[in-house]
């Protein structure tokens, strides 16, 4: 035995395999370098394209009374469903163009609750127009980025971050404002608004503590998927056919329910109608994919000075999305990465020195779909929410959300009288 461990026949096979790898080096080595060069080129072109676009951060100040249901936010979200700029290979790979993404942000700085929307400059006027048309009493300001001067110093600060994913398949809906009866525009005193719970939690944050919620979205659309020659499931797909995996998954789930009904009929000899639960599941899936979809990533961050860091807020973050969970269908759960840096530090993935900086960089860049950090522990896949689901977790509430630290515009503005003298 070679080195007293490896049998001679295995060692010999290893060297035979290595000789073949060496002989084929003129083929695979250039392919690797070309792939690396191509990826570097695309990243370079994308960075140049993004720099040319510029971005703005809009803060939305709410009036004391908002009588609109979250359906109004669905209309605003429709303005963010932008699928242009990457319709062909020239735009995508030579010019570096990408689908535009947006960031919906809800933060609490020492209990001061604020709503933000981050967008590219070219969409600023359009987005403001949609906001004012649906929420006439609001005020929209272009503001300086609140993350600009925030730096993480491990000697002084503790930081906790969590990324979210859906607990079930994407087509299954979460509990939306329709389930809470808000689509009927009930009187303010009868409203049960799920976002009010989130605002109450954010209002409990005291001075020196910071909690940021970031929802990054882009229009969901069909993607090209290559059909593997040995895959029977993909035989009918063209080599580069556009496939909507979201709707395809919904169809698969519905087909499974229908197949169970067929099997039961064949075994029992009598046709079986769907149960109430099965019928509701089919209806929920069909309704979910009937609305426009968005690729989504959600991040939550809590940080404070080490001497005042409070784990109670970490528990609050884990409960932030509980009210949107549906026992029968879907909800949110932590995914991808989450870590705590306090006393003592928890170095779960041996990245204590790098993780906080990555975390803040990603948040400040408002970047996810083209993240510079693609390792499996840090980068997770986006999920799909439709406009109704997004409007549920991010909308402007009425006076029912009476969190004590939630500042609103002090009075409603109105236009000048029409009969003023010229």
Protein backbone atom coordinates (compact mmCIF):
# COMPACT_ATOMS: atom_id res chain seq x y z
CA UNK A 1 0.00 0.00 0.00
CA UNK A 2 1.21 3.52 -0.88
CA UNK A 3 2.00 5.49 2.26
CA UNK A 4 0.52 2.54 4.17
CA UNK A 5 -3.04 3.87 3.58
CA UNK A 6 -4.06 3.95 -0.12
CA UNK A 7 -4.22 0.60 -2.00
CA UNK A 8 -1.97 0.49 -5.11
CA UNK A 9 -4.88 0.03 -7.56
CA UNK A 10 -6.62 3.20 -6.29
CA UNK A 11 -3.37 5.17 -6.47
CA UNK A 12 -2.81 3.95 -10.04
CA UNK A 13 -6.34 4.95 -11.09
CA UNK A 14 -5.77 8.39 -9.60
CA UNK A 15 -2.67 8.97 -11.72
CA UNK A 16 -4.45 7.74 -14.88
CA UNK A 17 -7.27 10.23 -14.22
CA UNK A 18 -4.76 13.02 -13.55
CA UNK A 19 -2.98 12.34 -16.85
CA UNK A 20 -6.29 12.72 -18.72
CA UNK A 21 -7.00 15.99 -16.90
CA UNK A 22 -3.51 17.24 -17.80
CA UNK A 23 -3.88 16.21 -21.44
CA UNK A 24 -7.21 18.07 -21.73
CA UNK A 25 -5.84 21.21 -20.09
CA UNK A 26 -5.71 23.15 -23.42
CA UNK A 27 -9.51 22.75 -23.54
CA UNK A 28 -10.76 23.30 -19.99
CA UNK A 29 -8.23 25.91 -18.83
CA UNK A 30 -9.07 28.50 -21.54
CA UNK A 31 -12.78 27.83 -20.91
CA UNK A 32 -12.32 28.68 -17.23
CA UNK A 33 -10.42 31.89 -18.02
CA UNK A 34 -13.00 32.94 -20.63
CA UNK A 35 -15.82 32.38 -18.13
CA UNK A 36 -14.00 34.43 -15.49
CA UNK A 37 -13.29 37.22 -18.00
CA UNK A 38 -16.92 37.23 -19.17
CA UNK A 39 -18.26 37.48 -15.60
CA UNK A 40 -15.80 40.26 -14.77
CA UNK A 41 -16.80 42.13 -17.94
CA UNK A 42 -20.52 41.91 -17.13
CA UNK A 43 -19.92 43.09 -13.54
CA UNK A 44 -17.86 46.03 -14.85
CA UNK A 45 -20.50 47.05 -17.40
CA UNK A 46 -23.25 46.77 -14.79
CA UNK A 47 -21.38 48.98 -12.33
CA UNK A 48 -20.89 51.63 -15.05
CA UNK A 49 -24.57 51.41 -15.99
CA UNK A 50 -25.72 51.81 -12.37
CA UNK A 51 -23.40 54.77 -11.77
CA UNK A 52 -24.90 56.54 -14.76
CA UNK A 53 -28.45 56.09 -13.47
CA UNK A 54 -28.00 57.52 -9.99
CA UNK A 55 -30.41 56.93 -7.11
CA UNK A 56 -32.53 58.86 -4.63
CA UNK A 57 -34.03 58.11 -1.24
CA UNK A 58 -37.57 59.39 -0.74
CA UNK A 59 -39.05 59.82 2.73
CA UNK A 60 -42.84 59.69 3.02
CA UNK A 61 -44.49 61.63 5.83
CA UNK A 62 -48.05 60.58 6.54
CA UNK A 63 -51.07 62.70 7.50
CA UNK A 64 -53.08 61.99 10.63
CA UNK A 65 -55.84 60.34 8.63
CA UNK A 66 -55.46 57.92 5.71
CA UNK A 67 -58.73 56.45 4.53
CA UNK A 68 -57.27 54.35 1.72
CA UNK A 69 -56.97 50.59 1.99
CA UNK A 70 -53.68 48.84 1.09
CA UNK A 71 -55.15 48.47 -2.39
CA UNK A 72 -53.83 52.01 -2.99
CA UNK A 73 -50.32 50.74 -2.35
CA UNK A 74 -50.89 47.97 -4.90
CA UNK A 75 -51.37 50.69 -7.53
CA UNK A 76 -48.15 52.39 -6.42
CA UNK A 77 -46.34 49.06 -6.63
CA UNK A 78 -47.57 48.71 -10.19
CA UNK A 79 -45.34 51.67 -11.09
CA UNK A 80 -42.38 49.68 -9.76
CA UNK A 81 -43.06 46.65 -11.94
CA UNK A 82 -40.41 47.55 -14.52
CA UNK A 83 -39.26 44.77 -16.84
CA UNK A 84 -37.43 46.85 -19.46
CA UNK A 85 -33.66 47.38 -19.98
CA UNK A 86 -32.67 43.71 -20.35
CA UNK A 87 -34.84 42.49 -23.20
CA UNK A 88 -31.96 41.22 -25.35
CA UNK A 89 -28.39 39.97 -24.99
CA UNK A 90 -26.88 43.26 -26.21
CA UNK A 91 -28.56 45.26 -23.44
CA UNK A 92 -27.86 42.61 -20.84
CA UNK A 93 -24.27 41.63 -21.50
CA UNK A 94 -22.70 44.42 -23.57
CA UNK A 95 -24.37 47.48 -22.03
CA UNK A 96 -24.75 45.89 -18.59
CA UNK A 97 -28.41 46.89 -18.28
CA UNK A 98 -30.54 45.22 -15.64
CA UNK A 99 -34.11 45.24 -14.47
CA UNK A 100 -34.59 48.11 -12.05
CA UNK A 101 -35.11 47.26 -8.41
CA UNK A 102 -36.57 49.29 -5.56
CA UNK A 103 -36.16 49.26 -1.79
CA UNK A 104 -39.12 49.71 0.57
CA UNK A 105 -37.82 50.61 4.03
CA UNK A 106 -39.43 51.00 7.42
CA UNK A 107 -37.07 52.00 10.22
CA UNK A 108 -37.04 53.02 13.85
CA UNK A 109 -34.20 55.20 15.15
CA UNK A 110 -34.64 55.53 18.88
CA UNK A 111 -38.38 55.00 18.43
CA UNK A 112 -38.74 57.54 15.61
CA UNK A 113 -40.59 55.56 12.90
CA UNK A 114 -39.99 56.56 9.29
CA UNK A 115 -41.04 55.28 5.84
CA UNK A 116 -38.63 55.38 2.88
CA UNK A 117 -38.55 54.28 -0.74
CA UNK A 118 -35.22 54.01 -2.56
CA UNK A 119 -35.36 54.26 -6.35
CA UNK A 120 -33.38 55.15 -9.45
CA UNK A 121 -33.55 58.84 -10.38
CA UNK A 122 -35.33 58.14 -13.64
CA UNK A 123 -38.36 56.79 -11.73
CA UNK A 124 -38.49 59.57 -9.12
CA UNK A 125 -41.13 61.78 -10.77
CA UNK A 126 -43.32 58.86 -11.82
CA UNK A 127 -43.19 57.32 -8.35
CA UNK A 128 -43.99 60.62 -6.64
CA UNK A 129 -46.95 61.10 -8.98
CA UNK A 130 -48.35 57.67 -8.10
CA UNK A 131 -47.85 58.29 -4.37
CA UNK A 132 -49.63 61.66 -4.42
CA UNK A 133 -52.45 60.35 -6.60
CA UNK A 134 -53.25 57.52 -4.18
CA UNK A 135 -52.39 59.32 -0.91
CA UNK A 136 -53.24 63.02 -1.43
CA UNK A 137 -52.37 64.09 2.13
CA UNK A 138 -48.81 62.73 2.26
CA UNK A 139 -45.56 64.67 1.88
CA UNK A 140 -42.66 63.21 -0.10
CA UNK A 141 -39.12 64.50 0.34
CA UNK A 142 -35.82 63.59 -1.27
CA UNK A 143 -33.54 63.10 1.74
CA UNK A 144 -29.97 62.21 2.53
CA UNK A 145 -29.34 58.52 3.09
CA UNK A 146 -29.73 57.73 6.79
CA UNK A 147 -27.21 54.85 6.44
CA UNK A 148 -24.47 57.10 5.08
CA UNK A 149 -22.70 57.87 8.35
CA UNK A 150 -23.38 54.54 10.06
CA UNK A 151 -20.25 52.44 10.61
CA UNK A 152 -19.85 49.24 12.56
CA UNK A 153 -17.05 49.20 15.14
CA UNK A 154 -16.85 45.76 16.82
CA UNK A 155 -15.19 47.37 19.83
CA UNK A 156 -18.16 49.65 20.42
CA UNK A 157 -21.23 48.15 18.75
CA UNK A 158 -23.26 44.97 18.70
CA UNK A 159 -25.22 44.03 15.60
CA UNK A 160 -27.87 41.47 14.69
CA UNK A 161 -29.11 40.76 11.17
CA UNK A 162 -31.58 38.35 9.66
CA UNK A 163 -32.73 37.59 6.13
CA UNK A 164 -36.18 36.14 5.48
CA UNK A 165 -37.70 33.59 3.15
CA UNK A 166 -41.12 32.01 2.72
CA UNK A 167 -41.93 28.99 4.85
CA UNK A 168 -43.71 27.24 1.94
CA UNK A 169 -43.63 27.22 -1.87
CA UNK A 170 -43.77 30.71 -3.39
CA UNK A 171 -47.25 30.49 -4.99
CA UNK A 172 -48.95 29.85 -1.64
CA UNK A 173 -50.07 33.24 -0.28
CA UNK A 174 -49.34 34.76 3.09
CA UNK A 175 -52.19 36.28 5.13
CA UNK A 176 -52.99 39.51 3.29
CA UNK A 177 -55.01 42.64 3.93
CA UNK A 178 -57.93 40.98 2.11
CA UNK A 179 -58.00 38.30 4.80
CA UNK A 180 -58.15 41.11 7.38
CA UNK A 181 -61.11 42.71 5.59
CA UNK A 182 -59.26 45.89 4.64
CA UNK A 183 -60.24 45.73 0.97
CA UNK A 184 -63.74 46.89 1.99
CA UNK A 185 -62.46 50.21 3.44
CA UNK A 186 -64.10 49.76 6.85
CA UNK A 187 -64.39 52.65 9.28
CA UNK A 188 -61.13 53.47 11.03
CA UNK A 189 -62.30 52.21 14.42
CA UNK A 190 -63.19 48.81 12.92
CA UNK A 191 -59.96 48.27 11.00
CA UNK A 192 -57.65 45.41 11.90
CA UNK A 193 -54.42 46.44 10.17
CA UNK A 194 -51.57 43.90 10.52
CA UNK A 195 -48.89 46.56 10.03
CA UNK A 196 -50.09 48.30 13.21
CA UNK A 197 -48.51 45.46 15.21
CA UNK A 198 -45.17 46.07 13.50
CA UNK A 199 -45.36 49.81 14.18
CA UNK A 200 -46.15 49.21 17.85
CA UNK A 201 -43.00 47.09 18.13
CA UNK A 202 -40.89 49.73 16.38
CA UNK A 203 -42.29 52.41 18.71
CA UNK A 204 -40.90 50.55 21.74
CA UNK A 205 -37.34 51.16 20.56
CA UNK A 206 -35.61 53.57 22.93
CA UNK A 207 -32.86 56.12 22.37
CA UNK A 208 -29.59 54.67 21.06
CA UNK A 209 -31.24 51.59 19.50
CA UNK A 210 -31.80 51.21 15.76
CA UNK A 211 -34.00 48.78 13.83
CA UNK A 212 -34.12 48.77 10.03
CA UNK A 213 -36.45 46.71 7.82
CA UNK A 214 -35.56 46.58 4.11
CA UNK A 215 -37.71 45.01 1.39
CA UNK A 216 -35.89 44.88 -1.96
CA UNK A 217 -38.13 44.19 -4.96
CA UNK A 218 -37.95 43.90 -8.72
CA UNK A 219 -40.47 42.81 -11.34
CA UNK A 220 -40.78 39.04 -11.61
CA UNK A 221 -40.73 37.72 -15.15
CA UNK A 222 -40.08 34.55 -17.09
CA UNK A 223 -36.49 33.35 -17.10
CA UNK A 224 -34.66 31.23 -19.62
CA UNK A 225 -34.08 27.69 -18.42
CA UNK A 226 -32.01 25.15 -20.29
CA UNK A 227 -33.53 21.75 -20.82
CA UNK A 228 -31.16 18.99 -19.79
CA UNK A 229 -30.99 16.13 -22.31
CA UNK A 230 -31.34 13.49 -19.58
CA UNK A 231 -34.26 15.18 -17.82
CA UNK A 232 -37.60 13.59 -18.76
CA UNK A 233 -39.51 16.35 -16.96
CA UNK A 234 -38.08 19.00 -19.26
CA UNK A 235 -38.33 17.13 -22.59
CA UNK A 236 -41.05 19.42 -23.91
CA UNK A 237 -39.15 22.61 -23.15
CA UNK A 238 -37.12 24.30 -25.85
CA UNK A 239 -33.40 24.76 -25.17
CA UNK A 240 -33.92 28.39 -24.22
CA UNK A 241 -37.64 28.61 -23.59
CA UNK A 242 -38.80 31.29 -21.15
CA UNK A 243 -40.34 29.64 -18.09
CA UNK A 244 -42.22 31.26 -15.21
CA UNK A 245 -41.19 29.01 -12.33
CA UNK A 246 -43.64 30.79 -9.99
CA UNK A 247 -46.72 29.98 -12.07
CA UNK A 248 -45.33 26.59 -12.99
CA UNK A 249 -45.07 25.69 -9.29
CA UNK A 250 -48.67 26.82 -8.72
CA UNK A 251 -49.84 24.61 -11.58
CA UNK A 252 -47.87 21.69 -10.13
CA UNK A 253 -49.52 22.11 -6.72
CA UNK A 254 -52.99 22.27 -8.29
CA UNK A 255 -52.28 19.22 -10.46
CA UNK A 256 -51.25 17.25 -7.36
CA UNK A 257 -54.60 17.98 -5.70
CA UNK A 258 -56.52 17.02 -8.85
CA UNK A 259 -54.46 13.82 -9.19
CA UNK A 260 -55.43 12.81 -5.65
CA UNK A 261 -59.08 13.22 -6.58
CA UNK A 262 -58.60 11.03 -9.66
CA UNK A 263 -56.86 8.29 -7.67
CA UNK A 264 -59.61 8.34 -5.03
CA UNK A 265 -62.26 8.04 -7.75
CA UNK A 266 -60.48 5.12 -9.41
CA UNK A 267 -60.00 3.28 -6.12
CA UNK A 268 -63.45 3.89 -4.68
CA UNK A 269 -65.47 3.80 -7.85
CA UNK A 270 -67.25 7.06 -7.00
CA UNK A 271 -66.25 10.57 -8.10
CA UNK A 272 -65.00 12.58 -5.14
CA UNK A 273 -65.46 16.32 -5.06
CA UNK A 274 -62.71 18.46 -3.49
CA UNK A 275 -62.97 19.04 0.23
CA UNK A 276 -63.37 22.59 1.48
CA UNK A 277 -59.65 22.76 2.26
CA UNK A 278 -58.66 21.46 -1.18
CA UNK A 279 -61.02 23.87 -2.93
CA UNK A 280 -59.66 26.80 -0.89
CA UNK A 281 -56.10 25.78 -1.69
CA UNK A 282 -56.80 25.68 -5.43
CA UNK A 283 -58.59 29.04 -5.28
CA UNK A 284 -55.75 30.60 -3.25
CA UNK A 285 -53.10 29.40 -5.70
CA UNK A 286 -55.03 30.61 -8.74
CA UNK A 287 -55.69 33.99 -7.14
CA UNK A 288 -52.08 34.37 -6.00
CA UNK A 289 -50.55 33.99 -9.46
CA UNK A 290 -53.28 36.08 -11.12
CA UNK A 291 -51.67 39.28 -9.79
CA UNK A 292 -48.33 40.78 -10.84
CA UNK A 293 -45.37 39.21 -9.08
CA UNK A 294 -42.16 40.61 -7.63
CA UNK A 295 -38.85 38.97 -6.83
CA UNK A 296 -38.26 39.87 -3.19
CA UNK A 297 -35.59 39.87 -0.52
CA UNK A 298 -36.23 41.05 3.04
CA UNK A 299 -33.54 42.04 5.55
CA UNK A 300 -33.82 43.14 9.18
CA UNK A 301 -31.07 44.78 11.21
CA UNK A 302 -30.79 45.74 14.86
CA UNK A 303 -27.71 47.46 16.23
CA UNK A 304 -26.74 49.50 19.26
CA UNK A 305 -23.78 50.31 21.46
CA UNK A 306 -22.51 47.28 23.36
CA UNK A 307 -23.35 48.72 26.76
CA UNK A 308 -27.05 49.15 25.92
CA UNK A 309 -27.58 46.27 23.43
CA UNK A 310 -30.86 44.55 24.33
CA UNK A 311 -31.71 41.02 23.19
CA UNK A 312 -35.42 41.79 23.64
CA UNK A 313 -35.37 43.61 20.31
CA UNK A 314 -33.93 40.52 18.62
CA UNK A 315 -36.97 38.57 19.78
CA UNK A 316 -39.15 41.37 18.44
CA UNK A 317 -37.51 41.07 15.04
CA UNK A 318 -38.25 37.35 14.92
CA UNK A 319 -41.88 38.11 15.69
CA UNK A 320 -42.12 41.05 13.28
CA UNK A 321 -43.82 39.06 10.48
CA UNK A 322 -45.89 36.65 12.61
CA UNK A 323 -49.20 38.35 11.83
CA UNK A 324 -48.74 37.64 8.12
CA UNK A 325 -48.46 33.87 8.59
CA UNK A 326 -51.27 31.65 7.37
CA UNK A 327 -51.37 28.21 8.97
CA UNK A 328 -52.82 26.66 5.81
CA UNK A 329 -50.63 28.38 3.24
CA UNK A 330 -47.50 30.47 3.85
CA UNK A 331 -45.52 32.73 6.14
CA UNK A 332 -42.00 34.04 6.76
CA UNK A 333 -39.05 32.35 8.42
CA UNK A 334 -35.38 33.29 8.96
CA UNK A 335 -33.06 32.15 6.20
CA UNK A 336 -29.67 32.58 4.59
CA UNK A 337 -27.77 34.37 7.29
CA UNK A 338 -28.32 35.67 10.74
CA UNK A 339 -25.74 36.36 13.43
CA UNK A 340 -25.33 38.22 16.68
CA UNK A 341 -22.24 40.15 17.70
CA UNK A 342 -22.36 41.02 21.35
CA UNK A 343 -20.91 39.73 24.60
CA UNK A 344 -19.95 36.95 24.08
CA UNK A 345 -19.81 37.01 20.26
CA UNK A 346 -21.31 34.08 18.35
CA UNK A 347 -19.06 33.23 15.46
CA UNK A 348 -21.37 30.72 13.73
CA UNK A 349 -19.68 30.64 10.32
CA UNK A 350 -16.16 31.74 11.31
CA UNK A 351 -16.77 35.14 9.76
CA UNK A 352 -16.98 37.37 12.82
CA UNK A 353 -14.60 39.92 11.35
CA UNK A 354 -16.23 40.14 7.90
CA UNK A 355 -19.93 39.55 8.44
CA UNK A 356 -20.97 42.89 10.04
CA UNK A 357 -19.27 44.85 7.26
CA UNK A 358 -20.88 42.68 4.58
CA UNK A 359 -24.24 43.09 6.27
CA UNK A 360 -24.08 46.87 6.32
CA UNK A 361 -22.57 47.08 2.83
CA UNK A 362 -25.44 45.10 1.35
CA UNK A 363 -28.01 47.20 3.17
CA UNK A 364 -26.39 50.51 2.20
CA UNK A 365 -26.01 49.47 -1.43
CA UNK A 366 -29.64 48.32 -1.52
CA UNK A 367 -28.34 45.38 -3.46
CA UNK A 368 -29.42 41.77 -3.54
CA UNK A 369 -30.07 40.47 -7.04
CA UNK A 370 -26.51 41.31 -8.07
CA UNK A 371 -24.84 40.90 -4.73
CA UNK A 372 -21.02 41.02 -4.48
CA UNK A 373 -21.29 38.40 -1.71
CA UNK A 374 -22.49 35.22 -3.37
CA UNK A 375 -21.22 32.59 -0.95
CA UNK A 376 -23.87 30.11 0.17
CA UNK A 377 -23.99 31.29 3.78
CA UNK A 378 -24.52 34.94 2.95
CA UNK A 379 -26.47 34.95 -0.30
CA UNK A 380 -29.87 33.27 -0.49
CA UNK A 381 -32.31 33.07 -3.37
CA UNK A 382 -35.11 35.62 -3.78
CA UNK A 383 -38.70 34.55 -3.37
CA UNK A 384 -41.85 35.77 -5.12
CA UNK A 385 -44.65 37.85 -3.63
CA UNK A 386 -47.55 39.28 -5.58
CA UNK A 387 -48.63 42.92 -5.33
CA UNK A 388 -51.33 42.14 -2.75
CA UNK A 389 -48.84 40.44 -0.44
CA UNK A 390 -46.31 43.24 -0.79
CA UNK A 391 -48.94 45.91 -0.15
CA UNK A 392 -49.86 44.04 3.04
CA UNK A 393 -46.38 44.13 4.58
CA UNK A 394 -45.60 47.67 3.36
CA UNK A 395 -48.35 50.28 3.18
CA UNK A 396 -49.29 53.55 4.85
CA UNK A 397 -51.70 52.95 7.75
CA UNK A 398 -54.50 55.19 8.99
CA UNK A 399 -55.00 56.49 12.51
CA UNK A 400 -55.66 52.94 13.74
CA UNK A 401 -51.85 52.67 13.89
CA UNK A 402 -51.52 55.00 16.85
CA UNK A 403 -47.96 54.15 17.92
CA UNK A 404 -46.90 56.96 20.30
CA UNK A 405 -43.62 57.71 18.50
CA UNK A 406 -45.06 57.58 14.99
CA UNK A 407 -44.88 61.18 13.79
CA UNK A 408 -47.38 62.39 11.20
CA UNK A 409 -47.95 65.58 9.23
CA UNK A 410 -49.64 67.89 11.81
CA UNK A 411 -52.46 69.13 9.56
CA UNK A 412 -54.05 68.36 6.25
CA UNK A 413 -53.07 70.69 3.43
CA UNK A 414 -55.57 72.04 0.94
CA UNK A 415 -55.40 74.13 -2.19
CA UNK A 416 -56.06 77.86 -2.37
CA UNK A 417 -59.71 79.03 -2.76
CA UNK A 418 -60.83 79.33 -6.38
CA UNK A 419 -62.41 82.77 -5.90
CA UNK A 420 -59.31 84.72 -4.86
CA UNK A 421 -58.96 88.13 -6.63
CA UNK A 422 -56.46 88.25 -9.48
